[in-house]
Amino acid sequence: PVKIDNGPAVKGKGDLIYGGPEDGWLGLADVSNGSIDANWVLSFVTCVNKPYVPVEELALAKDSMQMRVGEEYYMPTKILPSDATYRTSQWSSSDENVVKVNNTGLIQARAVGEAYVKVSVDRGRMSDSCKIVVVPSLTSGVKVQSTQHHILMSWTAGVDDSWKLYYAPTSNPSAVDSLDLDEPLACLSGLKEAATYNLKVYAYSESVLTDSIVRVVNMTKAKSDYPAIYIAPSYVAESPFLLDVHNLKSAYESMKWYIDEKEVQAPLVRALPAGEHLLEVEIHYGADKGVEYIRRKIQVKE
């Protein structure tokens, strides 16, 4: 603006003053001897040829919502009147580890949890907020384990209530099999050794498709030339895992599994408590070929 200062704003080292359009110049400090030697930070608002118009209404499109990890959402914001002087919005998150928001209202779900997104306008005079609940996505929560003959796929359920799994070897993609699931876990058996499989999972909530994921899984290759119990890289308490024997002789007739001397159904073990456990498999090759026993200890972590 032309001639806004109308003269000096600071005289010497003191006498900090300001001027109003109606009141003229007013002194804020009267230090005639100039004993103050400092840097001043001045903050002021100037309205030129236009009166100040306050924001009268501020509202986010939602007061609460649910998002999946990795999802983005632009939050519409209503600010009235349209000619309010300070319509520029300031955004913040109560926990940026869970939810991050930029200065345009784009929300990013980063981790499972809860956080509040807040918007302020009119220099902080008005604000509104939305509670964001972040749930796992298939991408963030899926775990895959493979052996020589089986695949185990599990994930965190979130809000979904049913799933559909399609799988096929990459060498023959038209040979598709499928499973309908009512829990976030699938165990595939009778698979080809040394093969690669495409797995597709679709998640549903009340029959509405909500999420999907694709995984390419390589079957585990045998590390020895004799039958041996498959050992996972690690075992975690109360987590599912697979039982399998690598390099099985094709002529075997039946197999029994034991954990800590108690018979269990293979290949899926849903959970074990922390500590050391003894795995044992009893392989029957027929009446004239005898029985083979293989034992292995595993350590299950907390």
C-alpha atoms as a PDB file:
ATOM      1  CA  PRO A   1       0.000   0.000   0.000  1.00  0.00           C
ATOM      2  CA  VAL A   2       1.135   3.515  -0.760  1.00  0.00           C
ATOM      3  CA  LYS A   3       2.359   5.589   2.191  1.00  0.00           C
ATOM      4  CA  ILE A   4       1.355   2.981   4.729  1.00  0.00           C
ATOM      5  CA  ASP A   5       4.138   4.001   7.084  1.00  0.00           C
ATOM      6  CA  ASN A   6       3.360   7.722   7.012  1.00  0.00           C
ATOM      7  CA  GLY A   7       6.689   8.301   8.687  1.00  0.00           C
ATOM      8  CA  PRO A   8       9.128   6.351  10.835  1.00  0.00           C
ATOM      9  CA  ALA A   9       7.764   3.325  12.749  1.00  0.00           C
ATOM     10  CA  VAL A  10      10.730   3.124  15.119  1.00  0.00           C
ATOM     11  CA  LYS A  11      12.572   6.226  16.287  1.00  0.00           C
ATOM     12  CA  GLY A  12      16.173   5.641  17.196  1.00  0.00           C
ATOM     13  CA  LYS A  13      16.590   2.659  19.547  1.00  0.00           C
ATOM     14  CA  GLY A  14      13.264   3.019  21.296  1.00  0.00           C
ATOM     15  CA  ASP A  15       9.829   4.579  20.978  1.00  0.00           C
ATOM     16  CA  LEU A  16       8.158   1.636  19.213  1.00  0.00           C
ATOM     17  CA  ILE A  17       4.939   2.989  17.740  1.00  0.00           C
ATOM     18  CA  TYR A  18       2.146   1.956  15.425  1.00  0.00           C
ATOM     19  CA  GLY A  19      -0.417   3.830  13.472  1.00  0.00           C
ATOM     20  CA  GLY A  20      -4.085   3.125  12.962  1.00  0.00           C
ATOM     21  CA  PRO A  21      -6.137   4.528  10.098  1.00  0.00           C
ATOM     22  CA  GLU A  22      -8.409   6.370  12.528  1.00  0.00           C
ATOM     23  CA  ASP A  23      -6.364   6.919  15.675  1.00  0.00           C
ATOM     24  CA  GLY A  24      -3.136   8.065  14.066  1.00  0.00           C
ATOM     25  CA  TRP A  25       0.219   7.058  15.538  1.00  0.00           C
ATOM     26  CA  LEU A  26       0.258   5.693  19.107  1.00  0.00           C
ATOM     27  CA  GLY A  27       3.348   5.156  21.221  1.00  0.00           C
ATOM     28  CA  LEU A  28       3.858   1.659  22.710  1.00  0.00           C
ATOM     29  CA  ALA A  29       7.135   2.497  24.386  1.00  0.00           C
ATOM     30  CA  ASP A  30       8.532   5.828  25.443  1.00  0.00           C
ATOM     31  CA  VAL A  31      12.243   5.393  25.875  1.00  0.00           C
ATOM     32  CA  SER A  32      13.552   8.808  25.119  1.00  0.00           C
ATOM     33  CA  ASN A  33      17.103   8.011  26.113  1.00  0.00           C
ATOM     34  CA  GLY A  34      17.272   5.168  23.573  1.00  0.00           C
ATOM     35  CA  SER A  35      18.558   2.693  26.138  1.00  0.00           C
ATOM     36  CA  ILE A  36      16.876  -0.316  24.482  1.00  0.00           C
ATOM     37  CA  ASP A  37      19.157  -1.885  21.892  1.00  0.00           C
ATOM     38  CA  ALA A  38      17.305  -4.884  20.459  1.00  0.00           C
ATOM     39  CA  ASN A  39      15.728  -6.402  17.359  1.00  0.00           C
ATOM     40  CA  TRP A  40      11.960  -6.093  17.146  1.00  0.00           C
ATOM     41  CA  VAL A  41       9.588  -8.643  15.605  1.00  0.00           C
ATOM     42  CA  LEU A  42       6.491  -6.898  14.295  1.00  0.00           C
ATOM     43  CA  SER A  43       3.270  -8.736  13.483  1.00  0.00           C
ATOM     44  CA  PHE A  44       0.325  -6.861  12.084  1.00  0.00           C
ATOM     45  CA  VAL A  45      -2.700  -7.287   9.836  1.00  0.00           C
ATOM     46  CA  THR A  46      -3.548  -4.833   7.100  1.00  0.00           C
ATOM     47  CA  CYS A  47      -6.925  -4.604   5.387  1.00  0.00           C
ATOM     48  CA  VAL A  48      -6.859  -2.276   2.404  1.00  0.00           C
ATOM     49  CA  ASN A  49     -10.107  -0.837   1.079  1.00  0.00           C
ATOM     50  CA  LYS A  50     -11.972  -3.800   2.556  1.00  0.00           C
ATOM     51  CA  PRO A  51     -13.425  -4.554   6.011  1.00  0.00           C
ATOM     52  CA  TYR A  52     -12.533  -7.695   7.935  1.00  0.00           C
ATOM     53  CA  VAL A  53     -15.045 -10.517   7.270  1.00  0.00           C
ATOM     54  CA  PRO A  54     -14.976 -13.320   9.862  1.00  0.00           C
ATOM     55  CA  VAL A  55     -15.534 -16.999   9.106  1.00  0.00           C
ATOM     56  CA  GLU A  56     -19.026 -17.892  10.299  1.00  0.00           C
ATOM     57  CA  GLU A  57     -19.118 -21.621   9.518  1.00  0.00           C
ATOM     58  CA  LEU A  58     -16.442 -24.303   9.315  1.00  0.00           C
ATOM     59  CA  ALA A  59     -17.275 -27.983   8.881  1.00  0.00           C
ATOM     60  CA  LEU A  60     -15.408 -31.078   7.756  1.00  0.00           C
ATOM     61  CA  ALA A  61     -17.311 -33.530   5.571  1.00  0.00           C
ATOM     62  CA  LYS A  62     -16.962 -36.241   8.255  1.00  0.00           C
ATOM     63  CA  ASP A  63     -16.602 -36.216  12.024  1.00  0.00           C
ATOM     64  CA  SER A  64     -15.247 -39.792  12.082  1.00  0.00           C
ATOM     65  CA  MET A  65     -14.110 -42.301   9.497  1.00  0.00           C
ATOM     66  CA  GLN A  66     -12.182 -45.510   8.988  1.00  0.00           C
ATOM     67  CA  MET A  67      -9.181 -45.964   6.706  1.00  0.00           C
ATOM     68  CA  ARG A  68      -6.844 -48.809   5.823  1.00  0.00           C
ATOM     69  CA  VAL A  69      -3.084 -48.628   6.193  1.00  0.00           C
ATOM     70  CA  GLY A  70      -1.684 -47.078   3.017  1.00  0.00           C
ATOM     71  CA  GLU A  71      -4.972 -45.458   2.001  1.00  0.00           C
ATOM     72  CA  GLU A  72      -5.313 -41.756   1.127  1.00  0.00           C
ATOM     73  CA  TYR A  73      -8.385 -39.544   1.405  1.00  0.00           C
ATOM     74  CA  TYR A  74      -8.988 -35.886   0.587  1.00  0.00           C
ATOM     75  CA  MET A  75     -11.207 -34.341   3.275  1.00  0.00           C
ATOM     76  CA  PRO A  76     -13.734 -31.841   1.850  1.00  0.00           C
ATOM     77  CA  THR A  77     -14.105 -28.723   3.985  1.00  0.00           C
ATOM     78  CA  LYS A  78     -16.953 -26.209   4.107  1.00  0.00           C
ATOM     79  CA  ILE A  79     -15.908 -22.617   4.879  1.00  0.00           C
ATOM     80  CA  LEU A  80     -18.482 -19.808   4.876  1.00  0.00           C
ATOM     81  CA  PRO A  81     -18.891 -17.080   3.875  1.00  0.00           C
ATOM     82  CA  SER A  82     -16.975 -17.364   0.630  1.00  0.00           C
ATOM     83  CA  ASP A  83     -15.581 -13.838   1.049  1.00  0.00           C
ATOM     84  CA  ALA A  84     -14.231 -14.393   4.575  1.00  0.00           C
ATOM     85  CA  THR A  85     -10.959 -12.569   5.060  1.00  0.00           C
ATOM     86  CA  TYR A  86      -8.962 -15.533   6.416  1.00  0.00           C
ATOM     87  CA  ARG A  87     -10.193 -18.673   4.671  1.00  0.00           C
ATOM     88  CA  THR A  88      -6.769 -20.303   4.445  1.00  0.00           C
ATOM     89  CA  SER A  89      -6.876 -23.557   6.426  1.00  0.00           C
ATOM     90  CA  GLN A  90      -4.227 -24.979   8.743  1.00  0.00           C
ATOM     91  CA  TRP A  91      -4.183 -28.771   9.166  1.00  0.00           C
ATOM     92  CA  SER A  92      -2.679 -30.948  11.883  1.00  0.00           C
ATOM     93  CA  SER A  93      -2.739 -34.544  13.153  1.00  0.00           C
ATOM     94  CA  SER A  94      -2.759 -35.637  16.776  1.00  0.00           C
ATOM     95  CA  ASP A  95      -0.436 -38.545  15.869  1.00  0.00           C
ATOM     96  CA  GLU A  96       1.536 -38.385  12.629  1.00  0.00           C
ATOM     97  CA  ASN A  97       2.771 -41.937  13.137  1.00  0.00           C
ATOM     98  CA  VAL A  98      -0.818 -43.087  12.555  1.00  0.00           C
ATOM     99  CA  VAL A  99      -2.230 -40.379  10.268  1.00  0.00           C
ATOM    100  CA  LYS A 100      -0.510 -37.631   8.322  1.00  0.00           C
ATOM    101  CA  VAL A 101      -2.283 -34.686   6.694  1.00  0.00           C
ATOM    102  CA  ASN A 102      -0.935 -31.977   4.383  1.00  0.00           C
ATOM    103  CA  ASN A 103      -2.036 -28.358   3.995  1.00  0.00           C
ATOM    104  CA  THR A 104      -4.665 -29.236   1.370  1.00  0.00           C
ATOM    105  CA  GLY A 105      -6.495 -31.773   3.554  1.00  0.00           C
ATOM    106  CA  LEU A 106      -5.004 -34.915   1.996  1.00  0.00           C
ATOM    107  CA  ILE A 107      -5.000 -37.588   4.726  1.00  0.00           C
ATOM    108  CA  GLN A 108      -2.601 -40.547   4.641  1.00  0.00           C
ATOM    109  CA  ALA A 109      -3.171 -43.604   6.847  1.00  0.00           C
ATOM    110  CA  ARG A 110       0.268 -44.768   7.974  1.00  0.00           C
ATOM    111  CA  ALA A 111      -0.208 -47.308  10.781  1.00  0.00           C
ATOM    112  CA  VAL A 112      -2.937 -49.104  12.720  1.00  0.00           C
ATOM    113  CA  GLY A 113      -4.379 -46.907  15.473  1.00  0.00           C
ATOM    114  CA  GLU A 114      -6.475 -43.794  16.097  1.00  0.00           C
ATOM    115  CA  ALA A 115      -5.752 -40.110  15.544  1.00  0.00           C
ATOM    116  CA  TYR A 116      -7.612 -36.825  15.169  1.00  0.00           C
ATOM    117  CA  VAL A 117      -7.219 -34.581  12.141  1.00  0.00           C
ATOM    118  CA  LYS A 118      -7.884 -30.916  12.898  1.00  0.00           C
ATOM    119  CA  VAL A 119      -8.436 -27.954  10.599  1.00  0.00           C
ATOM    120  CA  SER A 120      -8.330 -24.288  11.704  1.00  0.00           C
ATOM    121  CA  VAL A 121      -9.252 -21.087   9.871  1.00  0.00           C
ATOM    122  CA  ASP A 122      -9.606 -17.393  10.593  1.00  0.00           C
ATOM    123  CA  ARG A 123      -6.195 -17.266  12.314  1.00  0.00           C
ATOM    124  CA  GLY A 124      -7.209 -20.103  14.651  1.00  0.00           C
ATOM    125  CA  ARG A 125     -10.540 -18.578  15.723  1.00  0.00           C
ATOM    126  CA  MET A 126     -12.546 -21.521  14.365  1.00  0.00           C
ATOM    127  CA  SER A 127     -11.673 -25.213  14.085  1.00  0.00           C
ATOM    128  CA  ASP A 128     -13.178 -28.629  13.449  1.00  0.00           C
ATOM    129  CA  SER A 129     -11.816 -32.162  13.759  1.00  0.00           C
ATOM    130  CA  CYS A 130     -12.384 -35.707  12.533  1.00  0.00           C
ATOM    131  CA  LYS A 131     -11.522 -38.964  14.305  1.00  0.00           C
ATOM    132  CA  ILE A 132      -9.618 -41.370  12.050  1.00  0.00           C
ATOM    133  CA  VAL A 133      -9.496 -45.084  12.893  1.00  0.00           C
ATOM    134  CA  VAL A 134      -6.827 -46.876  10.850  1.00  0.00           C
ATOM    135  CA  VAL A 135      -7.289 -50.620  10.364  1.00  0.00           C
ATOM    136  CA  PRO A 136      -4.926 -53.126   8.724  1.00  0.00           C
ATOM    137  CA  SER A 137      -4.975 -53.601   4.986  1.00  0.00           C
ATOM    138  CA  LEU A 138      -4.209 -56.873   3.248  1.00  0.00           C
ATOM    139  CA  THR A 139      -1.001 -55.302   1.987  1.00  0.00           C
ATOM    140  CA  SER A 140       0.149 -54.270   5.453  1.00  0.00           C
ATOM    141  CA  GLY A 141      -0.940 -57.378   7.356  1.00  0.00           C
ATOM    142  CA  VAL A 142      -0.410 -60.378   5.082  1.00  0.00           C
ATOM    143  CA  LYS A 143       2.142 -63.078   5.947  1.00  0.00           C
ATOM    144  CA  VAL A 144       3.147 -65.918   3.636  1.00  0.00           C
ATOM    145  CA  GLN A 145       4.995 -69.119   4.522  1.00  0.00           C
ATOM    146  CA  SER A 146       5.847 -71.854   2.017  1.00  0.00           C
ATOM    147  CA  THR A 147       7.341 -75.328   2.308  1.00  0.00           C
ATOM    148  CA  GLN A 148       8.085 -77.918  -0.356  1.00  0.00           C
ATOM    149  CA  HIS A 149       4.421 -78.983  -0.564  1.00  0.00           C
ATOM    150  CA  HIS A 150       2.275 -76.348   1.214  1.00  0.00           C
ATOM    151  CA  ILE A 151       1.586 -72.599   1.380  1.00  0.00           C
ATOM    152  CA  LEU A 152       0.240 -70.797   4.442  1.00  0.00           C
ATOM    153  CA  MET A 153      -1.180 -67.312   3.998  1.00  0.00           C
ATOM    154  CA  SER A 154      -2.552 -65.278   6.903  1.00  0.00           C
ATOM    155  CA  TRP A 155      -3.472 -61.652   7.526  1.00  0.00           C
ATOM    156  CA  THR A 156      -5.146 -59.336  10.032  1.00  0.00           C
ATOM    157  CA  ALA A 157      -8.903 -59.304   9.564  1.00  0.00           C
ATOM    158  CA  GLY A 158      -9.649 -55.613  10.144  1.00  0.00           C
ATOM    159  CA  VAL A 159     -13.357 -55.036   9.448  1.00  0.00           C
ATOM    160  CA  ASP A 160     -13.727 -57.699   6.746  1.00  0.00           C
ATOM    161  CA  ASP A 161     -15.872 -60.772   7.403  1.00  0.00           C
ATOM    162  CA  SER A 162     -15.123 -63.064   4.434  1.00  0.00           C
ATOM    163  CA  TRP A 163     -12.439 -63.667   1.822  1.00  0.00           C
ATOM    164  CA  LYS A 164     -11.918 -65.462  -1.480  1.00  0.00           C
ATOM    165  CA  LEU A 165      -8.538 -66.892  -2.502  1.00  0.00           C
ATOM    166  CA  TYR A 166      -7.570 -67.784  -6.071  1.00  0.00           C
ATOM    167  CA  TYR A 167      -4.309 -69.571  -6.826  1.00  0.00           C
ATOM    168  CA  ALA A 168      -2.566 -71.076  -9.852  1.00  0.00           C
ATOM    169  CA  PRO A 169       0.974 -72.058 -10.865  1.00  0.00           C
ATOM    170  CA  THR A 170       2.660 -69.426 -13.010  1.00  0.00           C
ATOM    171  CA  SER A 171       3.565 -72.185 -15.468  1.00  0.00           C
ATOM    172  CA  ASN A 172      -0.145 -72.834 -16.070  1.00  0.00           C
ATOM    173  CA  PRO A 173      -2.142 -69.711 -15.107  1.00  0.00           C
ATOM    174  CA  SER A 174      -5.415 -71.120 -16.443  1.00  0.00           C
ATOM    175  CA  ALA A 175      -5.348 -73.937 -13.861  1.00  0.00           C
ATOM    176  CA  VAL A 176      -7.012 -71.790 -11.207  1.00  0.00           C
ATOM    177  CA  ASP A 177      -8.298 -73.164  -7.916  1.00  0.00           C
ATOM    178  CA  SER A 178     -10.158 -71.160  -5.277  1.00  0.00           C
ATOM    179  CA  LEU A 179     -11.125 -71.206  -1.620  1.00  0.00           C
ATOM    180  CA  ASP A 180     -13.966 -69.434   0.204  1.00  0.00           C
ATOM    181  CA  LEU A 181     -12.741 -68.347   3.622  1.00  0.00           C
ATOM    182  CA  ASP A 182     -14.507 -67.213   6.780  1.00  0.00           C
ATOM    183  CA  GLU A 183     -11.260 -66.524   8.642  1.00  0.00           C
ATOM    184  CA  PRO A 184      -8.121 -64.575   7.661  1.00  0.00           C
ATOM    185  CA  LEU A 185      -6.058 -67.691   7.009  1.00  0.00           C
ATOM    186  CA  ALA A 186      -5.572 -70.158   4.145  1.00  0.00           C
ATOM    187  CA  CYS A 187      -3.547 -73.370   3.957  1.00  0.00           C
ATOM    188  CA  LEU A 188      -2.882 -74.808   0.485  1.00  0.00           C
ATOM    189  CA  SER A 189      -1.679 -78.397   0.152  1.00  0.00           C
ATOM    190  CA  GLY A 190      -0.784 -80.814  -2.630  1.00  0.00           C
ATOM    191  CA  LEU A 191       1.194 -78.181  -4.519  1.00  0.00           C
ATOM    192  CA  LYS A 192       3.934 -78.807  -7.046  1.00  0.00           C
ATOM    193  CA  GLU A 193       7.487 -78.979  -5.761  1.00  0.00           C
ATOM    194  CA  ALA A 194       9.848 -76.185  -6.866  1.00  0.00           C
ATOM    195  CA  ALA A 195       6.923 -74.347  -8.496  1.00  0.00           C
ATOM    196  CA  THR A 196       5.880 -70.691  -8.354  1.00  0.00           C
ATOM    197  CA  TYR A 197       2.279 -69.723  -7.599  1.00  0.00           C
ATOM    198  CA  ASN A 198       0.170 -66.608  -8.085  1.00  0.00           C
ATOM    199  CA  LEU A 199      -2.173 -65.954  -5.162  1.00  0.00           C
ATOM    200  CA  LYS A 200      -5.009 -63.404  -5.200  1.00  0.00           C
ATOM    201  CA  VAL A 201      -7.058 -62.611  -2.109  1.00  0.00           C
ATOM    202  CA  TYR A 202     -10.276 -60.563  -2.159  1.00  0.00           C
ATOM    203  CA  ALA A 203     -11.705 -59.218   1.101  1.00  0.00           C
ATOM    204  CA  TYR A 204     -15.409 -58.545   1.674  1.00  0.00           C
ATOM    205  CA  SER A 205     -17.460 -56.777   4.300  1.00  0.00           C
ATOM    206  CA  GLU A 206     -21.151 -57.683   4.224  1.00  0.00           C
ATOM    207  CA  SER A 207     -20.605 -59.065   0.682  1.00  0.00           C
ATOM    208  CA  VAL A 208     -19.087 -55.798  -0.567  1.00  0.00           C
ATOM    209  CA  LEU A 209     -15.542 -55.966  -1.960  1.00  0.00           C
ATOM    210  CA  THR A 210     -13.300 -53.842   0.270  1.00  0.00           C
ATOM    211  CA  ASP A 211      -9.707 -54.859  -0.428  1.00  0.00           C
ATOM    212  CA  SER A 212      -7.515 -57.155  -2.515  1.00  0.00           C
ATOM    213  CA  ILE A 213      -3.928 -58.288  -2.792  1.00  0.00           C
ATOM    214  CA  VAL A 214      -1.741 -60.302  -5.170  1.00  0.00           C
ATOM    215  CA  ARG A 215       1.283 -62.326  -4.076  1.00  0.00           C
ATOM    216  CA  VAL A 216       3.781 -64.440  -6.023  1.00  0.00           C
ATOM    217  CA  VAL A 217       5.064 -67.326  -3.888  1.00  0.00           C
ATOM    218  CA  ASN A 218       7.976 -69.653  -4.586  1.00  0.00           C
ATOM    219  CA  MET A 219       7.799 -73.110  -3.080  1.00  0.00           C
ATOM    220  CA  THR A 220      10.702 -73.773  -0.710  1.00  0.00           C
ATOM    221  CA  LYS A 221      13.486 -75.828  -2.216  1.00  0.00           C
ATOM    222  CA  ALA A 222      14.954 -78.792  -0.347  1.00  0.00           C
ATOM    223  CA  LYS A 223      18.346 -78.255   1.265  1.00  0.00           C
ATOM    224  CA  SER A 224      19.328 -81.928   1.607  1.00  0.00           C
ATOM    225  CA  ASP A 225      19.057 -85.238  -0.239  1.00  0.00           C
ATOM    226  CA  TYR A 226      17.316 -87.169   2.534  1.00  0.00           C
ATOM    227  CA  PRO A 227      13.910 -86.769   4.203  1.00  0.00           C
ATOM    228  CA  ALA A 228      13.966 -83.966   6.779  1.00  0.00           C
ATOM    229  CA  ILE A 229      11.436 -81.963   8.779  1.00  0.00           C
ATOM    230  CA  TYR A 230      10.968 -78.489   7.360  1.00  0.00           C
ATOM    231  CA  ILE A 231      12.097 -75.806   9.799  1.00  0.00           C
ATOM    232  CA  ALA A 232      10.737 -72.261   9.470  1.00  0.00           C
ATOM    233  CA  PRO A 233      13.125 -69.287   9.813  1.00  0.00           C
ATOM    234  CA  SER A 234      11.436 -68.476  13.123  1.00  0.00           C
ATOM    235  CA  TYR A 235       8.477 -69.502  15.258  1.00  0.00           C
ATOM    236  CA  VAL A 236       6.397 -66.959  17.160  1.00  0.00           C
ATOM    237  CA  ALA A 237       4.105 -67.901  20.040  1.00  0.00           C
ATOM    238  CA  GLU A 238       0.405 -68.204  19.207  1.00  0.00           C
ATOM    239  CA  SER A 239       1.075 -67.861  15.456  1.00  0.00           C
ATOM    240  CA  PRO A 240       0.228 -70.484  12.799  1.00  0.00           C
ATOM    241  CA  PHE A 241       2.924 -72.483  11.001  1.00  0.00           C
ATOM    242  CA  LEU A 242       3.330 -75.475   8.679  1.00  0.00           C
ATOM    243  CA  LEU A 243       4.493 -79.045   9.190  1.00  0.00           C
ATOM    244  CA  ASP A 244       6.185 -80.684   6.217  1.00  0.00           C
ATOM    245  CA  VAL A 245       8.828 -83.244   5.297  1.00  0.00           C
ATOM    246  CA  HIS A 246      11.146 -82.382   2.448  1.00  0.00           C
ATOM    247  CA  ASN A 247      12.447 -85.051   0.055  1.00  0.00           C
ATOM    248  CA  LEU A 248       9.726 -87.544   0.827  1.00  0.00           C
ATOM    249  CA  LYS A 249       9.966 -90.861  -0.943  1.00  0.00           C
ATOM    250  CA  SER A 250       7.088 -91.102  -3.370  1.00  0.00           C
ATOM    251  CA  ALA A 251       6.293 -94.633  -2.201  1.00  0.00           C
ATOM    252  CA  TYR A 252       5.231 -93.712   1.343  1.00  0.00           C
ATOM    253  CA  GLU A 253       1.724 -94.756   2.389  1.00  0.00           C
ATOM    254  CA  SER A 254       0.892 -92.616   5.426  1.00  0.00           C
ATOM    255  CA  MET A 255       2.294 -90.105   7.857  1.00  0.00           C
ATOM    256  CA  LYS A 256       1.605 -89.151  11.472  1.00  0.00           C
ATOM    257  CA  TRP A 257       2.793 -85.999  13.224  1.00  0.00           C
ATOM    258  CA  TYR A 258       3.441 -85.460  16.930  1.00  0.00           C
ATOM    259  CA  ILE A 259       4.275 -82.336  18.915  1.00  0.00           C
ATOM    260  CA  ASP A 260       5.602 -82.990  22.399  1.00  0.00           C
ATOM    261  CA  GLU A 261       4.478 -86.626  21.984  1.00  0.00           C
ATOM    262  CA  LYS A 262       0.854 -85.669  21.202  1.00  0.00           C
ATOM    263  CA  GLU A 263      -0.565 -86.450  17.779  1.00  0.00           C
ATOM    264  CA  VAL A 264      -1.582 -83.407  15.721  1.00  0.00           C
ATOM    265  CA  GLN A 265      -3.202 -82.845  12.354  1.00  0.00           C
ATOM    266  CA  ALA A 266      -0.840 -81.683   9.622  1.00  0.00           C
ATOM    267  CA  PRO A 267       0.091 -79.580   7.807  1.00  0.00           C
ATOM    268  CA  LEU A 268      -1.341 -76.613   9.744  1.00  0.00           C
ATOM    269  CA  VAL A 269      -0.490 -75.930  13.367  1.00  0.00           C
ATOM    270  CA  ARG A 270      -2.488 -72.947  14.544  1.00  0.00           C
ATOM    271  CA  ALA A 271      -0.443 -71.996  17.588  1.00  0.00           C
ATOM    272  CA  LEU A 272       2.166 -73.114  20.096  1.00  0.00           C
ATOM    273  CA  PRO A 273       3.154 -71.493  23.398  1.00  0.00           C
ATOM    274  CA  ALA A 274       6.619 -70.030  23.785  1.00  0.00           C
ATOM    275  CA  GLY A 275       9.400 -72.434  24.670  1.00  0.00           C
ATOM    276  CA  GLU A 276      11.110 -75.517  23.260  1.00  0.00           C
ATOM    277  CA  HIS A 277       9.005 -78.153  21.490  1.00  0.00           C
ATOM    278  CA  LEU A 278       9.740 -81.554  19.973  1.00  0.00           C
ATOM    279  CA  LEU A 279       8.460 -82.262  16.457  1.00  0.00           C
ATOM    280  CA  GLU A 280       8.207 -85.892  15.388  1.00  0.00           C
ATOM    281  CA  VAL A 281       6.941 -87.453  12.178  1.00  0.00           C
ATOM    282  CA  GLU A 282       6.212 -91.140  11.626  1.00  0.00           C
ATOM    283  CA  ILE A 283       6.371 -92.157   7.955  1.00  0.00           C
ATOM    284  CA  HIS A 284       4.940 -95.521   6.917  1.00  0.00           C
ATOM    285  CA  TYR A 285       6.319 -96.960   3.674  1.00  0.00           C
ATOM    286  CA  GLY A 286       4.245-100.150   3.634  1.00  0.00           C
ATOM    287  CA  ALA A 287       4.202-103.485   5.439  1.00  0.00           C
ATOM    288  CA  ASP A 288       7.384-104.750   3.837  1.00  0.00           C
ATOM    289  CA  LYS A 289       9.334-101.476   3.888  1.00  0.00           C
ATOM    290  CA  GLY A 290       9.037-100.411   7.509  1.00  0.00           C
ATOM    291  CA  VAL A 291       8.552 -97.095   9.296  1.00  0.00           C
ATOM    292  CA  GLU A 292      10.836 -94.056   9.405  1.00  0.00           C
ATOM    293  CA  TYR A 293      10.934 -91.664  12.377  1.00  0.00           C
ATOM    294  CA  ILE A 294      12.275 -88.110  12.132  1.00  0.00           C
ATOM    295  CA  ARG A 295      12.594 -85.811  15.139  1.00  0.00           C
ATOM    296  CA  ARG A 296      13.482 -82.144  15.415  1.00  0.00           C
ATOM    297  CA  LYS A 297      13.381 -79.569  18.196  1.00  0.00           C
ATOM    298  CA  ILE A 298      12.148 -76.025  17.608  1.00  0.00           C
ATOM    299  CA  GLN A 299      12.297 -72.903  19.748  1.00  0.00           C
ATOM    300  CA  VAL A 300       9.137 -70.771  19.835  1.00  0.00           C
ATOM    301  CA  LYS A 301       9.708 -67.123  20.741  1.00  0.00           C
ATOM    302  CA  GLU A 302       7.448 -64.841  22.748  1.00  0.00           C
END
